[in-house]
Amino acid sequence: MTKKETASANDVARRIWLAGVGAYGKAFSDAQESLEKIGEDTSRRFDELVARGEEIEDNLEEKRQDLMERMPKQPFALDDRIQEMRQRLGLAIPVSGGHEATASDLEERLERLEDKVDLLLEQVQVLTKSPAKKKTATRKRATKK
């Protein structure tokens, strides 16, 4: 090969190389533009969905307030109504103050009643002058704490 042919072959090879680099650059630029458009479109669509969600939330709040205004006012709080229903069903034993008795309250009441029964038995035995029978106080329950 002559120098002219070698230079021409190098020039052709370099031009092929530059064409490949140019093609890669164009594909990269096109892909980058597409991604930017997709990113802008995604952000725009997300913002549209947020705005739509806010509209729906506002509409629901208005409807909820309207419904609450139309509902009759309840004379009791929910806790009071539950307590009243428990009392009607015999599931709750009220103590002073209108609150439901706890297990500890019930055990204390039971002990006081047993003490009163024991006292009454003693008084009956004194009045009848009969020997004392088995007391109920021996069956007191241990309180759990």
N, C-alpha and C. Protein backbone atom coordinates (compact mmCIF):
# COMPACT_ATOMS: atom_id res chain seq x y z
N MET A 1 0.84 -1.16 0.00
CA MET A 1 0.00 0.00 0.00
C MET A 1 0.90 1.24 0.00
N THR A 2 0.36 2.22 -0.64
CA THR A 2 1.11 3.45 -0.73
C THR A 2 0.70 4.35 0.41
N LYS A 3 1.45 5.42 0.58
CA LYS A 3 1.15 6.36 1.67
C LYS A 3 -0.20 7.00 1.45
N LYS A 4 -0.50 7.26 0.21
CA LYS A 4 -1.79 7.89 -0.09
C LYS A 4 -2.94 6.95 0.25
N GLU A 5 -2.78 5.70 -0.07
CA GLU A 5 -3.82 4.72 0.22
C GLU A 5 -3.92 4.50 1.74
N THR A 6 -2.82 4.50 2.44
CA THR A 6 -2.82 4.32 3.89
C THR A 6 -3.48 5.50 4.55
N ALA A 7 -3.18 6.70 4.10
CA ALA A 7 -3.80 7.89 4.66
C ALA A 7 -5.29 7.88 4.38
N SER A 8 -5.65 7.46 3.20
CA SER A 8 -7.06 7.40 2.82
C SER A 8 -7.77 6.35 3.67
N ALA A 9 -7.14 5.21 3.92
CA ALA A 9 -7.74 4.15 4.74
C ALA A 9 -7.86 4.62 6.18
N ASN A 10 -6.84 5.32 6.70
CA ASN A 10 -6.92 5.86 8.07
C ASN A 10 -8.03 6.90 8.17
N ASP A 11 -8.14 7.71 7.12
CA ASP A 11 -9.19 8.73 7.10
C ASP A 11 -10.57 8.09 7.09
N VAL A 12 -10.75 7.04 6.31
CA VAL A 12 -12.03 6.33 6.25
C VAL A 12 -12.31 5.67 7.61
N ALA A 13 -11.32 5.06 8.21
CA ALA A 13 -11.49 4.41 9.51
C ALA A 13 -11.86 5.44 10.57
N ARG A 14 -11.16 6.59 10.53
CA ARG A 14 -11.46 7.66 11.50
C ARG A 14 -12.87 8.18 11.29
N ARG A 15 -13.29 8.34 10.07
CA ARG A 15 -14.64 8.83 9.77
C ARG A 15 -15.70 7.81 10.24
N ILE A 16 -15.40 6.53 10.07
CA ILE A 16 -16.32 5.48 10.55
C ILE A 16 -16.41 5.57 12.07
N TRP A 17 -15.27 5.72 12.71
CA TRP A 17 -15.24 5.86 14.17
C TRP A 17 -16.05 7.07 14.60
N LEU A 18 -15.86 8.22 13.98
CA LEU A 18 -16.58 9.45 14.32
C LEU A 18 -18.09 9.29 14.06
N ALA A 19 -18.44 8.59 13.01
CA ALA A 19 -19.87 8.33 12.73
C ALA A 19 -20.48 7.50 13.85
N GLY A 20 -19.74 6.52 14.34
CA GLY A 20 -20.23 5.69 15.46
C GLY A 20 -20.37 6.50 16.72
N VAL A 21 -19.37 7.35 17.01
CA VAL A 21 -19.45 8.20 18.20
C VAL A 21 -20.61 9.17 18.06
N GLY A 22 -20.79 9.73 16.86
CA GLY A 22 -21.91 10.64 16.62
C GLY A 22 -23.26 9.95 16.81
N ALA A 23 -23.36 8.72 16.31
CA ALA A 23 -24.61 7.95 16.47
C ALA A 23 -24.88 7.69 17.95
N TYR A 24 -23.83 7.33 18.69
CA TYR A 24 -23.98 7.09 20.12
C TYR A 24 -24.42 8.37 20.82
N GLY A 25 -23.79 9.51 20.48
CA GLY A 25 -24.14 10.80 21.08
C GLY A 25 -25.58 11.18 20.79
N LYS A 26 -26.02 10.97 19.54
CA LYS A 26 -27.41 11.29 19.17
C LYS A 26 -28.38 10.40 19.94
N ALA A 27 -28.11 9.12 20.01
CA ALA A 27 -28.98 8.20 20.75
C ALA A 27 -29.04 8.58 22.23
N PHE A 28 -27.89 8.97 22.78
CA PHE A 28 -27.84 9.38 24.19
C PHE A 28 -28.68 10.64 24.40
N SER A 29 -28.52 11.63 23.51
CA SER A 29 -29.29 12.88 23.62
C SER A 29 -30.79 12.63 23.48
N ASP A 30 -31.16 11.78 22.51
CA ASP A 30 -32.58 11.44 22.32
C ASP A 30 -33.15 10.75 23.56
N ALA A 31 -32.38 9.83 24.12
CA ALA A 31 -32.84 9.11 25.32
C ALA A 31 -32.98 10.07 26.49
N GLN A 32 -32.03 10.98 26.62
CA GLN A 32 -32.08 11.95 27.70
C GLN A 32 -33.30 12.86 27.57
N GLU A 33 -33.59 13.31 26.36
CA GLU A 33 -34.78 14.15 26.13
C GLU A 33 -36.06 13.38 26.46
N SER A 34 -36.09 12.11 26.05
CA SER A 34 -37.27 11.29 26.35
C SER A 34 -37.46 11.14 27.85
N LEU A 35 -36.37 10.91 28.57
CA LEU A 35 -36.47 10.77 30.02
C LEU A 35 -36.93 12.07 30.68
N GLU A 36 -36.45 13.19 30.18
CA GLU A 36 -36.89 14.48 30.73
C GLU A 36 -38.38 14.69 30.50
N LYS A 37 -38.84 14.34 29.29
CA LYS A 37 -40.27 14.47 28.99
C LYS A 37 -41.10 13.56 29.89
N ILE A 38 -40.61 12.33 30.06
CA ILE A 38 -41.32 11.38 30.93
C ILE A 38 -41.34 11.91 32.36
N GLY A 39 -40.21 12.43 32.82
CA GLY A 39 -40.13 12.98 34.17
C GLY A 39 -41.08 14.15 34.35
N GLU A 40 -41.12 15.06 33.37
CA GLU A 40 -42.04 16.20 33.44
C GLU A 40 -43.48 15.72 33.41
N ASP A 41 -43.76 14.76 32.54
CA ASP A 41 -45.11 14.22 32.43
C ASP A 41 -45.52 13.52 33.72
N THR A 42 -44.60 12.76 34.32
CA THR A 42 -44.89 12.07 35.57
C THR A 42 -45.16 13.07 36.68
N SER A 43 -44.33 14.11 36.78
CA SER A 43 -44.55 15.13 37.81
C SER A 43 -45.89 15.83 37.61
N ARG A 44 -46.21 16.15 36.37
CA ARG A 44 -47.47 16.82 36.07
C ARG A 44 -48.65 15.92 36.43
N ARG A 45 -48.57 14.65 36.06
CA ARG A 45 -49.66 13.72 36.37
C ARG A 45 -49.80 13.52 37.89
N PHE A 46 -48.67 13.43 38.58
CA PHE A 46 -48.71 13.29 40.04
C PHE A 46 -49.38 14.51 40.66
N ASP A 47 -49.01 15.70 40.22
CA ASP A 47 -49.64 16.92 40.74
C ASP A 47 -51.13 16.95 40.45
N GLU A 48 -51.54 16.46 39.28
CA GLU A 48 -52.96 16.38 38.94
C GLU A 48 -53.69 15.42 39.89
N LEU A 49 -53.06 14.28 40.19
CA LEU A 49 -53.68 13.31 41.10
C LEU A 49 -53.79 13.87 42.51
N VAL A 50 -52.78 14.61 42.96
CA VAL A 50 -52.83 15.23 44.29
C VAL A 50 -53.97 16.24 44.34
N ALA A 51 -54.10 17.07 43.29
CA ALA A 51 -55.17 18.06 43.25
C ALA A 51 -56.53 17.37 43.27
N ARG A 52 -56.68 16.30 42.52
CA ARG A 52 -57.96 15.55 42.48
C ARG A 52 -58.26 14.94 43.85
N GLY A 53 -57.23 14.41 44.51
CA GLY A 53 -57.41 13.85 45.85
C GLY A 53 -57.86 14.91 46.84
N GLU A 54 -57.30 16.11 46.74
CA GLU A 54 -57.71 17.21 47.63
C GLU A 54 -59.17 17.59 47.39
N GLU A 55 -59.59 17.61 46.13
CA GLU A 55 -61.00 17.91 45.81
C GLU A 55 -61.92 16.87 46.44
N ILE A 56 -61.57 15.60 46.28
CA ILE A 56 -62.40 14.52 46.83
C ILE A 56 -62.44 14.62 48.35
N GLU A 57 -61.31 14.89 48.97
CA GLU A 57 -61.26 15.01 50.43
C GLU A 57 -62.14 16.16 50.90
N ASP A 58 -62.08 17.30 50.21
CA ASP A 58 -62.93 18.44 50.58
C ASP A 58 -64.41 18.10 50.43
N ASN A 59 -64.77 17.41 49.34
CA ASN A 59 -66.17 17.01 49.14
C ASN A 59 -66.63 16.07 50.24
N LEU A 60 -65.78 15.12 50.61
CA LEU A 60 -66.15 14.19 51.67
C LEU A 60 -66.31 14.90 53.01
N GLU A 61 -65.44 15.86 53.28
CA GLU A 61 -65.54 16.61 54.54
C GLU A 61 -66.84 17.41 54.58
N GLU A 62 -67.21 18.03 53.45
CA GLU A 62 -68.46 18.77 53.40
C GLU A 62 -69.65 17.84 53.63
N LYS A 63 -69.63 16.69 53.00
CA LYS A 63 -70.73 15.73 53.17
C LYS A 63 -70.78 15.21 54.60
N ARG A 64 -69.61 14.97 55.20
CA ARG A 64 -69.58 14.49 56.59
C ARG A 64 -70.16 15.53 57.53
N GLN A 65 -69.78 16.79 57.33
CA GLN A 65 -70.31 17.86 58.17
C GLN A 65 -71.82 18.01 57.99
N ASP A 66 -72.28 17.91 56.74
CA ASP A 66 -73.71 18.00 56.47
C ASP A 66 -74.46 16.87 57.15
N LEU A 67 -73.91 15.66 57.09
CA LEU A 67 -74.54 14.51 57.73
C LEU A 67 -74.57 14.67 59.24
N MET A 68 -73.48 15.17 59.82
CA MET A 68 -73.43 15.37 61.26
C MET A 68 -74.45 16.42 61.71
N GLU A 69 -74.67 17.44 60.89
CA GLU A 69 -75.64 18.48 61.23
C GLU A 69 -77.07 17.93 61.17
N ARG A 70 -77.32 17.01 60.23
CA ARG A 70 -78.67 16.47 60.08
C ARG A 70 -78.99 15.38 61.10
N MET A 71 -77.99 14.77 61.70
CA MET A 71 -78.23 13.72 62.68
C MET A 71 -78.76 14.33 63.97
N PRO A 72 -79.69 13.65 64.62
CA PRO A 72 -80.19 14.18 65.89
C PRO A 72 -79.10 14.16 66.94
N LYS A 73 -79.12 15.15 67.79
CA LYS A 73 -78.13 15.24 68.86
C LYS A 73 -78.42 14.15 69.89
N GLN A 74 -77.39 13.47 70.34
CA GLN A 74 -77.54 12.40 71.32
C GLN A 74 -77.45 13.00 72.72
N PRO A 75 -78.37 12.59 73.62
CA PRO A 75 -78.35 13.16 74.97
C PRO A 75 -77.19 12.64 75.82
N PHE A 76 -76.59 11.51 75.45
CA PHE A 76 -75.53 10.91 76.25
C PHE A 76 -74.28 10.73 75.40
N ALA A 77 -73.17 10.70 76.05
CA ALA A 77 -71.93 10.34 75.37
C ALA A 77 -71.95 8.85 75.11
N LEU A 78 -71.12 8.39 74.21
CA LEU A 78 -71.09 6.97 73.87
C LEU A 78 -70.78 6.11 75.08
N ASP A 79 -69.83 6.54 75.91
CA ASP A 79 -69.48 5.76 77.12
C ASP A 79 -70.68 5.63 78.04
N ASP A 80 -71.45 6.72 78.19
CA ASP A 80 -72.63 6.66 79.04
C ASP A 80 -73.67 5.69 78.49
N ARG A 81 -73.83 5.70 77.16
CA ARG A 81 -74.81 4.80 76.53
C ARG A 81 -74.37 3.34 76.69
N ILE A 82 -73.08 3.07 76.57
CA ILE A 82 -72.58 1.71 76.75
C ILE A 82 -72.81 1.26 78.19
N GLN A 83 -72.50 2.14 79.15
CA GLN A 83 -72.70 1.82 80.56
C GLN A 83 -74.18 1.54 80.83
N GLU A 84 -75.06 2.37 80.27
CA GLU A 84 -76.50 2.18 80.48
C GLU A 84 -76.94 0.83 79.91
N MET A 85 -76.45 0.48 78.72
CA MET A 85 -76.82 -0.80 78.11
C MET A 85 -76.30 -1.96 78.94
N ARG A 86 -75.09 -1.86 79.47
CA ARG A 86 -74.56 -2.92 80.33
C ARG A 86 -75.41 -3.10 81.57
N GLN A 87 -75.86 -1.98 82.14
CA GLN A 87 -76.70 -2.07 83.33
C GLN A 87 -78.03 -2.72 83.00
N ARG A 88 -78.61 -2.37 81.86
CA ARG A 88 -79.88 -2.97 81.46
C ARG A 88 -79.76 -4.47 81.25
N LEU A 89 -78.60 -4.89 80.74
CA LEU A 89 -78.38 -6.31 80.49
C LEU A 89 -77.87 -7.05 81.72
N GLY A 90 -77.59 -6.31 82.78
CA GLY A 90 -77.08 -6.93 84.00
C GLY A 90 -75.61 -7.30 83.90
N LEU A 91 -74.88 -6.65 83.01
CA LEU A 91 -73.46 -6.96 82.84
C LEU A 91 -72.56 -6.06 83.65
N ALA A 92 -73.11 -5.01 84.20
CA ALA A 92 -72.29 -4.07 84.96
C ALA A 92 -72.91 -3.84 86.32
N ILE A 93 -72.07 -3.67 87.29
CA ILE A 93 -72.55 -3.37 88.64
C ILE A 93 -72.01 -1.99 88.98
N PRO A 94 -72.89 -1.00 89.05
CA PRO A 94 -72.41 0.36 89.32
C PRO A 94 -72.01 0.51 90.78
N VAL A 95 -71.02 1.35 91.01
CA VAL A 95 -70.63 1.73 92.37
C VAL A 95 -70.87 3.21 92.49
N SER A 96 -70.49 3.80 93.61
CA SER A 96 -70.75 5.22 93.80
C SER A 96 -70.09 6.02 92.70
N GLY A 97 -70.76 7.09 92.26
CA GLY A 97 -70.25 7.92 91.18
C GLY A 97 -70.72 7.46 89.82
N GLY A 98 -71.46 6.35 89.73
CA GLY A 98 -72.01 5.90 88.47
C GLY A 98 -71.02 5.16 87.58
N HIS A 99 -69.83 4.86 88.08
CA HIS A 99 -68.85 4.14 87.28
C HIS A 99 -69.00 2.64 87.48
N GLU A 100 -68.54 1.89 86.52
CA GLU A 100 -68.64 0.43 86.59
C GLU A 100 -67.67 -0.10 87.64
N ALA A 101 -68.12 -1.10 88.37
CA ALA A 101 -67.30 -1.68 89.43
C ALA A 101 -66.17 -2.52 88.84
N THR A 102 -65.00 -2.41 89.46
CA THR A 102 -63.88 -3.25 89.06
C THR A 102 -63.92 -4.53 89.89
N ALA A 103 -63.05 -5.47 89.57
CA ALA A 103 -62.99 -6.73 90.32
C ALA A 103 -62.65 -6.45 91.78
N SER A 104 -61.77 -5.50 92.00
CA SER A 104 -61.38 -5.14 93.36
C SER A 104 -62.58 -4.57 94.13
N ASP A 105 -63.36 -3.70 93.46
CA ASP A 105 -64.57 -3.14 94.09
C ASP A 105 -65.54 -4.24 94.47
N LEU A 106 -65.73 -5.20 93.58
CA LEU A 106 -66.67 -6.29 93.83
C LEU A 106 -66.20 -7.16 95.00
N GLU A 107 -64.89 -7.41 95.07
CA GLU A 107 -64.37 -8.22 96.17
C GLU A 107 -64.56 -7.50 97.50
N GLU A 108 -64.34 -6.18 97.52
CA GLU A 108 -64.54 -5.41 98.75
C GLU A 108 -66.01 -5.44 99.16
N ARG A 109 -66.90 -5.29 98.21
CA ARG A 109 -68.33 -5.34 98.53
C ARG A 109 -68.73 -6.72 99.06
N LEU A 110 -68.16 -7.77 98.45
CA LEU A 110 -68.46 -9.13 98.90
C LEU A 110 -67.96 -9.34 100.33
N GLU A 111 -66.77 -8.85 100.65
CA GLU A 111 -66.24 -8.98 102.01
C GLU A 111 -67.11 -8.24 103.02
N ARG A 112 -67.56 -7.05 102.66
CA ARG A 112 -68.44 -6.29 103.58
C ARG A 112 -69.75 -7.04 103.80
N LEU A 113 -70.29 -7.61 102.73
CA LEU A 113 -71.54 -8.38 102.88
C LEU A 113 -71.32 -9.61 103.75
N GLU A 114 -70.19 -10.30 103.59
CA GLU A 114 -69.89 -11.46 104.43
C GLU A 114 -69.77 -11.06 105.89
N ASP A 115 -69.13 -9.90 106.14
CA ASP A 115 -69.00 -9.41 107.52
C ASP A 115 -70.38 -9.13 108.11
N LYS A 116 -71.25 -8.54 107.32
CA LYS A 116 -72.60 -8.23 107.81
C LYS A 116 -73.38 -9.52 108.10
N VAL A 117 -73.21 -10.52 107.22
CA VAL A 117 -73.89 -11.79 107.43
C VAL A 117 -73.38 -12.44 108.71
N ASP A 118 -72.07 -12.40 108.93
CA ASP A 118 -71.50 -12.96 110.16
C ASP A 118 -72.05 -12.26 111.40
N LEU A 119 -72.14 -10.93 111.34
CA LEU A 119 -72.68 -10.16 112.46
C LEU A 119 -74.14 -10.54 112.72
N LEU A 120 -74.90 -10.66 111.64
CA LEU A 120 -76.31 -11.06 111.80
C LEU A 120 -76.43 -12.46 112.40
N LEU A 121 -75.58 -13.39 111.95
CA LEU A 121 -75.61 -14.74 112.51
C LEU A 121 -75.30 -14.73 114.00
N GLU A 122 -74.31 -13.92 114.39
CA GLU A 122 -73.97 -13.82 115.82
C GLU A 122 -75.15 -13.27 116.62
N GLN A 123 -75.80 -12.25 116.06
CA GLN A 123 -76.94 -11.66 116.77
C GLN A 123 -78.09 -12.66 116.86
N VAL A 124 -78.32 -13.41 115.80
CA VAL A 124 -79.38 -14.42 115.84
C VAL A 124 -79.05 -15.49 116.87
N GLN A 125 -77.80 -15.91 116.95
CA GLN A 125 -77.39 -16.93 117.91
C GLN A 125 -77.54 -16.42 119.34
N VAL A 126 -77.21 -15.15 119.55
CA VAL A 126 -77.38 -14.60 120.91
C VAL A 126 -78.85 -14.56 121.26
N LEU A 127 -79.67 -14.15 120.32
CA LEU A 127 -81.11 -14.06 120.59
C LEU A 127 -81.73 -15.44 120.81
N THR A 128 -81.27 -16.41 120.07
CA THR A 128 -81.85 -17.75 120.22
C THR A 128 -81.08 -18.59 121.22
N LYS A 129 -79.92 -18.10 121.65
CA LYS A 129 -79.05 -18.80 122.59
C LYS A 129 -78.74 -20.22 122.12
N SER A 130 -78.51 -20.34 120.81
CA SER A 130 -78.12 -21.64 120.27
C SER A 130 -76.63 -21.60 119.94
N PRO A 131 -75.99 -22.79 119.90
CA PRO A 131 -74.55 -22.82 119.63
C PRO A 131 -74.26 -22.29 118.21
N ALA A 132 -73.11 -21.64 118.09
CA ALA A 132 -72.73 -21.03 116.81
C ALA A 132 -72.45 -22.10 115.77
N LYS A 133 -72.92 -21.84 114.56
CA LYS A 133 -72.64 -22.75 113.45
C LYS A 133 -71.51 -22.18 112.61
N LYS A 134 -71.19 -22.84 111.53
CA LYS A 134 -70.07 -22.46 110.66
C LYS A 134 -70.25 -21.02 110.15
N LYS A 135 -69.20 -20.21 110.30
CA LYS A 135 -69.25 -18.82 109.87
C LYS A 135 -68.88 -18.72 108.40
N THR A 136 -69.44 -17.71 107.75
CA THR A 136 -69.10 -17.49 106.34
C THR A 136 -67.81 -16.70 106.20
N ALA A 137 -67.35 -16.08 107.29
CA ALA A 137 -66.15 -15.26 107.20
C ALA A 137 -64.91 -16.10 106.93
N THR A 138 -64.97 -17.39 107.20
CA THR A 138 -63.81 -18.24 106.96
C THR A 138 -63.56 -18.45 105.48
N ARG A 139 -64.50 -18.03 104.64
CA ARG A 139 -64.36 -18.23 103.21
C ARG A 139 -63.95 -16.96 102.47
N LYS A 140 -63.35 -16.01 103.13
CA LYS A 140 -63.00 -14.76 102.48
C LYS A 140 -62.03 -15.01 101.34
N ARG A 141 -62.22 -14.24 100.30
CA ARG A 141 -61.39 -14.39 99.11
C ARG A 141 -60.18 -13.49 99.20
N ALA A 142 -59.10 -13.94 98.63
CA ALA A 142 -57.88 -13.12 98.59
C ALA A 142 -58.03 -12.12 97.44
N THR A 143 -57.70 -10.88 97.73
CA THR A 143 -57.83 -9.85 96.68
C THR A 143 -56.62 -9.91 95.79
N LYS A 144 -56.87 -9.71 94.50
CA LYS A 144 -55.77 -9.70 93.52
C LYS A 144 -55.37 -8.27 93.27
N LYS A 145 -54.10 -8.02 93.25
CA LYS A 145 -53.60 -6.67 92.96
C LYS A 145 -52.47 -6.72 91.99
